[in-house]
Each structure stands twice: as structure tokens, then as C-alpha cells.
């Protein structure tokens, strides 16, 4: 299973999005406007990155380059906590905002 692969589960086609950071092999799955973000992105937070080969820098690169470009109406179903949307996370997630502000100040 690699980035941009499509896997079929019970008749649903899921796009694989490689999102290293929580672990080097972390992946999310996207289908029909729904992102299953596992332990990468949570409502108002991000996954742990302090064990199992995790990296703060890598998880933020994954989130900003592979998840935030998804359509804003995308529903995010994390592995823990409540669901959210890409639009909500763009506006309210403090980790995402930290990167956006750093980019603006350049």
C-alpha cells in the first residue's frame, strides 16, 4: 500500500494518503468527501509524534501538504475524538494556524 493507491473495501474505493509523522508509515484514507485521519489529525489537534519514529516536523508537513488541500467540506473522521471538517481545522486548529502564521511572516 503506497501513497495515492486505491484500495477497495466492501465496495468502497479508498484513496491512500501517506501521512508520516505519527509514525513513519502512517496513512489516512479518503473517499467520497470523507477523510479517515486515524492518528494524524484530530478536531483542534494533531496526533502524538513523540514515539515509534514519529516527528513533529513530518506530521505537520503531512497535514499541510496532503490534508489541508482537500476540499473544505471534507468530513474528517479521526481515530479518536469527535469528527470535524477540513474547513474547521483550517480556521481553528492551533497547530495549523501556527504554520500559517509562520508562512505569512516570511
N, C-alpha and C. Protein backbone atom coordinates (compact mmCIF):
# COMPACT_ATOMS: atom_id res chain seq x y z
N UNK A 1 0.85 -1.17 0.00
CA UNK A 1 0.00 0.00 0.00
C UNK A 1 0.90 1.23 0.00
N UNK A 2 0.70 2.10 -0.98
CA UNK A 2 1.53 3.30 -1.12
C UNK A 2 0.64 4.52 -1.35
N UNK A 3 1.24 5.70 -1.18
CA UNK A 3 0.53 6.96 -1.38
C UNK A 3 -0.14 6.96 -2.75
N UNK A 4 -1.38 7.40 -2.79
CA UNK A 4 -2.21 7.51 -3.99
C UNK A 4 -2.74 6.18 -4.52
N UNK A 5 -2.40 5.08 -3.85
CA UNK A 5 -3.04 3.81 -4.21
C UNK A 5 -4.53 3.90 -3.90
N UNK A 6 -5.30 3.06 -4.53
CA UNK A 6 -6.72 2.93 -4.21
C UNK A 6 -6.94 1.50 -3.76
N UNK A 7 -7.60 1.35 -2.63
CA UNK A 7 -7.95 0.02 -2.15
C UNK A 7 -9.47 -0.07 -2.09
N UNK A 8 -9.98 -1.25 -2.28
CA UNK A 8 -11.42 -1.47 -2.24
C UNK A 8 -11.78 -2.27 -1.01
N UNK A 9 -12.73 -1.75 -0.24
CA UNK A 9 -13.19 -2.40 0.97
C UNK A 9 -14.71 -2.44 0.94
N UNK A 10 -15.26 -3.62 0.89
CA UNK A 10 -16.72 -3.78 0.90
C UNK A 10 -17.41 -2.88 -0.12
N UNK A 11 -16.84 -2.77 -1.31
CA UNK A 11 -17.45 -1.98 -2.37
C UNK A 11 -17.10 -0.50 -2.36
N UNK A 12 -16.38 -0.04 -1.36
CA UNK A 12 -15.96 1.36 -1.29
C UNK A 12 -14.51 1.48 -1.76
N UNK A 13 -14.22 2.49 -2.58
CA UNK A 13 -12.86 2.76 -3.02
C UNK A 13 -12.25 3.81 -2.11
N UNK A 14 -11.14 3.46 -1.49
CA UNK A 14 -10.45 4.37 -0.57
C UNK A 14 -9.11 4.76 -1.16
N UNK A 15 -8.86 6.07 -1.24
CA UNK A 15 -7.56 6.56 -1.68
C UNK A 15 -6.63 6.59 -0.48
N UNK A 16 -5.44 6.04 -0.64
CA UNK A 16 -4.44 6.02 0.41
C UNK A 16 -3.66 7.33 0.38
N UNK A 17 -3.58 7.99 1.53
CA UNK A 17 -2.78 9.22 1.67
C UNK A 17 -1.71 8.95 2.72
N UNK A 18 -0.46 8.83 2.27
CA UNK A 18 0.65 8.59 3.20
C UNK A 18 0.90 9.86 4.01
N UNK A 19 0.78 9.75 5.33
CA UNK A 19 0.93 10.91 6.21
C UNK A 19 1.91 10.60 7.34
N UNK A 20 3.20 10.45 7.01
CA UNK A 20 4.16 10.17 8.08
C UNK A 20 4.18 11.30 9.11
N UNK A 21 4.51 10.93 10.31
CA UNK A 21 4.59 11.91 11.40
C UNK A 21 4.22 11.28 12.72
N UNK A 22 3.03 10.70 12.79
CA UNK A 22 2.65 9.94 13.99
C UNK A 22 3.58 8.72 14.08
N UNK A 23 3.72 8.05 12.96
CA UNK A 23 4.73 7.01 12.73
C UNK A 23 5.20 7.19 11.30
N UNK A 24 6.33 6.60 10.93
CA UNK A 24 6.79 6.75 9.54
C UNK A 24 5.81 6.19 8.51
N UNK A 25 5.05 5.18 8.86
CA UNK A 25 4.14 4.56 7.91
C UNK A 25 2.69 4.97 8.04
N UNK A 26 2.40 6.03 8.77
CA UNK A 26 1.01 6.45 8.96
C UNK A 26 0.33 6.75 7.64
N UNK A 27 -0.94 6.37 7.56
CA UNK A 27 -1.75 6.67 6.38
C UNK A 27 -3.12 7.15 6.81
N UNK A 28 -3.75 7.90 5.92
CA UNK A 28 -5.15 8.28 6.04
C UNK A 28 -5.85 7.71 4.82
N UNK A 29 -7.16 7.63 4.89
CA UNK A 29 -7.94 7.13 3.77
C UNK A 29 -9.01 8.15 3.41
N UNK A 30 -9.20 8.39 2.10
CA UNK A 30 -10.15 9.38 1.63
C UNK A 30 -11.13 8.74 0.65
N UNK A 31 -12.41 9.01 0.84
CA UNK A 31 -13.43 8.52 -0.09
C UNK A 31 -14.66 9.41 -0.02
N UNK A 32 -15.18 9.78 -1.14
CA UNK A 32 -16.46 10.48 -1.24
C UNK A 32 -16.64 11.59 -0.21
N UNK A 33 -15.65 12.48 -0.09
CA UNK A 33 -15.78 13.62 0.81
C UNK A 33 -15.57 13.32 2.27
N UNK A 34 -15.05 12.14 2.58
CA UNK A 34 -14.77 11.76 3.97
C UNK A 34 -13.31 11.35 4.08
N UNK A 35 -12.61 11.91 5.06
CA UNK A 35 -11.23 11.56 5.35
C UNK A 35 -11.20 10.79 6.67
N UNK A 36 -10.66 9.60 6.63
CA UNK A 36 -10.41 8.83 7.85
C UNK A 36 -8.97 9.13 8.23
N UNK A 37 -8.79 10.01 9.22
CA UNK A 37 -7.47 10.56 9.52
C UNK A 37 -6.68 9.78 10.56
N UNK A 38 -7.27 8.75 11.12
CA UNK A 38 -6.52 7.93 12.07
C UNK A 38 -5.94 8.75 13.20
N UNK A 39 -4.63 8.62 13.40
CA UNK A 39 -3.94 9.37 14.46
C UNK A 39 -3.11 10.53 13.91
N UNK A 40 -3.49 11.04 12.74
CA UNK A 40 -2.77 12.18 12.16
C UNK A 40 -3.41 13.50 12.55
N UNK A 41 -4.71 13.64 12.32
CA UNK A 41 -5.41 14.91 12.55
C UNK A 41 -6.64 14.67 13.39
N UNK A 42 -6.78 15.49 14.43
CA UNK A 42 -7.95 15.44 15.31
C UNK A 42 -8.64 16.80 15.30
N UNK A 43 -9.84 16.85 15.86
CA UNK A 43 -10.53 18.13 15.98
C UNK A 43 -9.70 19.03 16.90
N UNK A 44 -9.14 20.08 16.34
CA UNK A 44 -8.36 21.05 17.11
C UNK A 44 -7.02 20.56 17.58
N UNK A 45 -6.52 19.46 17.04
CA UNK A 45 -5.25 18.93 17.50
C UNK A 45 -4.62 18.05 16.42
N UNK A 46 -3.52 17.44 16.78
CA UNK A 46 -2.82 16.50 15.91
C UNK A 46 -2.45 15.28 16.73
N UNK A 47 -2.01 14.23 16.04
CA UNK A 47 -1.62 13.01 16.73
C UNK A 47 -0.28 13.15 17.44
N UNK A 48 -0.04 12.21 18.33
CA UNK A 48 1.26 12.18 19.02
C UNK A 48 2.36 11.93 18.00
N UNK A 49 3.54 12.42 18.31
CA UNK A 49 4.67 12.27 17.39
C UNK A 49 5.94 11.96 18.16
N UNK A 50 5.81 11.66 19.44
CA UNK A 50 6.98 11.50 20.31
C UNK A 50 7.41 10.05 20.54
N UNK A 51 6.95 9.15 19.72
CA UNK A 51 7.36 7.75 19.86
C UNK A 51 7.22 7.02 18.54
N UNK A 52 7.71 5.83 18.48
CA UNK A 52 7.56 4.97 17.29
C UNK A 52 8.06 5.63 16.01
N UNK A 53 9.13 6.42 16.10
CA UNK A 53 9.68 7.07 14.91
C UNK A 53 8.91 8.29 14.46
N UNK A 54 8.05 8.82 15.32
CA UNK A 54 7.25 9.99 14.98
C UNK A 54 8.09 11.25 14.90
N UNK A 55 7.52 12.28 14.29
CA UNK A 55 8.22 13.55 14.11
C UNK A 55 7.21 14.68 13.99
N UNK A 56 7.39 15.72 14.81
CA UNK A 56 6.51 16.89 14.71
C UNK A 56 6.61 17.53 13.34
N UNK A 57 7.83 17.72 12.86
CA UNK A 57 8.02 18.34 11.55
C UNK A 57 7.32 17.52 10.46
N UNK A 58 7.49 16.21 10.51
CA UNK A 58 6.90 15.36 9.47
C UNK A 58 5.38 15.34 9.53
N UNK A 59 4.80 15.29 10.73
CA UNK A 59 3.34 15.27 10.82
C UNK A 59 2.76 16.60 10.32
N UNK A 60 3.44 17.70 10.58
CA UNK A 60 2.95 18.99 10.10
C UNK A 60 3.08 19.10 8.59
N UNK A 61 4.16 18.58 8.03
CA UNK A 61 4.29 18.57 6.57
C UNK A 61 3.17 17.74 5.97
N UNK A 62 2.90 16.58 6.55
CA UNK A 62 1.82 15.73 6.06
C UNK A 62 0.47 16.43 6.11
N UNK A 63 0.17 17.06 7.23
CA UNK A 63 -1.11 17.74 7.40
C UNK A 63 -1.25 18.91 6.42
N UNK A 64 -0.20 19.72 6.34
CA UNK A 64 -0.29 20.92 5.50
C UNK A 64 -0.25 20.60 4.01
N UNK A 65 0.52 19.60 3.61
CA UNK A 65 0.67 19.33 2.17
C UNK A 65 -0.31 18.31 1.63
N UNK A 66 -0.85 17.45 2.49
CA UNK A 66 -1.70 16.38 1.98
C UNK A 66 -3.14 16.42 2.49
N UNK A 67 -3.37 17.01 3.65
CA UNK A 67 -4.74 17.05 4.18
C UNK A 67 -5.40 18.40 4.01
N UNK A 68 -4.70 19.48 4.32
CA UNK A 68 -5.31 20.81 4.21
C UNK A 68 -5.73 21.16 2.78
N UNK A 69 -5.08 20.63 1.72
CA UNK A 69 -5.56 20.93 0.37
C UNK A 69 -6.88 20.23 -0.02
N UNK A 70 -7.35 19.30 0.78
CA UNK A 70 -8.62 18.64 0.47
C UNK A 70 -9.75 19.67 0.51
N UNK A 71 -10.85 19.39 -0.18
CA UNK A 71 -11.97 20.35 -0.17
C UNK A 71 -12.42 20.69 1.25
N UNK A 72 -12.76 21.94 1.47
CA UNK A 72 -13.09 22.40 2.83
C UNK A 72 -14.27 21.67 3.44
N UNK A 73 -15.19 21.17 2.61
CA UNK A 73 -16.35 20.46 3.14
C UNK A 73 -16.04 19.01 3.52
N UNK A 74 -14.81 18.58 3.31
CA UNK A 74 -14.43 17.21 3.66
C UNK A 74 -14.66 16.96 5.14
N UNK A 75 -15.38 15.91 5.44
CA UNK A 75 -15.61 15.48 6.83
C UNK A 75 -14.39 14.68 7.26
N UNK A 76 -13.88 15.00 8.43
CA UNK A 76 -12.71 14.31 8.98
C UNK A 76 -13.18 13.42 10.11
N UNK A 77 -12.91 12.13 9.98
CA UNK A 77 -13.27 11.14 10.99
C UNK A 77 -11.97 10.61 11.60
N UNK A 78 -11.54 11.19 12.73
CA UNK A 78 -10.28 10.76 13.34
C UNK A 78 -10.42 9.43 14.08
N UNK A 79 -9.28 8.88 14.43
CA UNK A 79 -9.26 7.63 15.18
C UNK A 79 -9.75 7.79 16.61
N UNK A 80 -9.75 9.01 17.13
CA UNK A 80 -10.22 9.33 18.47
C UNK A 80 -10.93 10.68 18.40
N UNK A 81 -11.77 10.95 19.36
CA UNK A 81 -12.44 12.25 19.50
C UNK A 81 -13.53 12.43 18.43
N UNK A 82 -14.09 13.65 18.39
CA UNK A 82 -15.21 13.96 17.51
C UNK A 82 -14.77 14.21 16.08
N UNK A 83 -15.72 14.04 15.15
CA UNK A 83 -15.44 14.37 13.76
C UNK A 83 -15.35 15.88 13.61
N UNK A 84 -14.77 16.31 12.50
CA UNK A 84 -14.59 17.72 12.21
C UNK A 84 -14.63 17.88 10.69
N UNK A 85 -14.24 19.02 10.19
CA UNK A 85 -14.13 19.24 8.75
C UNK A 85 -12.79 19.89 8.46
N UNK A 86 -12.37 19.80 7.21
CA UNK A 86 -11.14 20.47 6.80
C UNK A 86 -11.29 21.98 7.00
N UNK A 87 -12.45 22.54 6.67
CA UNK A 87 -12.66 23.99 6.85
C UNK A 87 -12.48 24.39 8.31
N UNK A 88 -13.06 23.63 9.23
CA UNK A 88 -12.93 23.94 10.65
C UNK A 88 -11.46 23.90 11.08
N UNK A 89 -10.74 22.89 10.63
CA UNK A 89 -9.34 22.75 11.03
C UNK A 89 -8.48 23.86 10.43
N UNK A 90 -8.76 24.26 9.22
CA UNK A 90 -8.01 25.37 8.61
C UNK A 90 -8.14 26.64 9.44
N UNK A 91 -9.33 26.87 9.98
CA UNK A 91 -9.60 28.11 10.73
C UNK A 91 -9.28 28.02 12.21
N UNK A 92 -9.36 26.80 12.79
CA UNK A 92 -9.34 26.71 14.24
C UNK A 92 -8.26 25.84 14.86
N UNK A 93 -7.62 25.00 14.09
CA UNK A 93 -6.62 24.11 14.68
C UNK A 93 -5.36 24.92 14.99
N UNK A 94 -4.95 25.00 16.28
CA UNK A 94 -3.80 25.84 16.63
C UNK A 94 -2.49 25.39 15.98
N UNK A 95 -2.34 24.12 15.71
CA UNK A 95 -1.13 23.63 15.05
C UNK A 95 -1.09 24.10 13.59
N UNK A 96 -2.22 24.03 12.91
CA UNK A 96 -2.31 24.51 11.54
C UNK A 96 -2.10 26.03 11.52
N UNK A 97 -2.74 26.73 12.43
CA UNK A 97 -2.60 28.19 12.49
C UNK A 97 -1.16 28.61 12.73
N UNK A 98 -0.42 27.86 13.53
CA UNK A 98 0.98 28.17 13.80
C UNK A 98 1.79 28.15 12.50
N UNK A 99 1.55 27.18 11.66
CA UNK A 99 2.26 27.08 10.39
C UNK A 99 1.82 28.19 9.44
N UNK A 100 0.52 28.45 9.37
CA UNK A 100 0.01 29.52 8.51
C UNK A 100 0.62 30.85 8.91
N UNK A 101 0.66 31.14 10.19
CA UNK A 101 1.23 32.42 10.67
C UNK A 101 2.72 32.50 10.36
N UNK A 102 3.44 31.40 10.52
CA UNK A 102 4.87 31.39 10.21
C UNK A 102 5.10 31.67 8.72
N UNK A 103 4.25 31.13 7.87
CA UNK A 103 4.37 31.35 6.44
C UNK A 103 4.05 32.81 6.07
N UNK A 104 3.09 33.39 6.76
CA UNK A 104 2.72 34.79 6.49
C UNK A 104 3.83 35.76 6.90
N UNK A 105 4.56 35.42 7.95
CA UNK A 105 5.58 36.33 8.46
C UNK A 105 6.88 36.28 7.66
N UNK A 106 6.94 35.42 6.68
CA UNK A 106 8.17 35.33 5.84
C UNK A 106 8.23 36.45 4.88
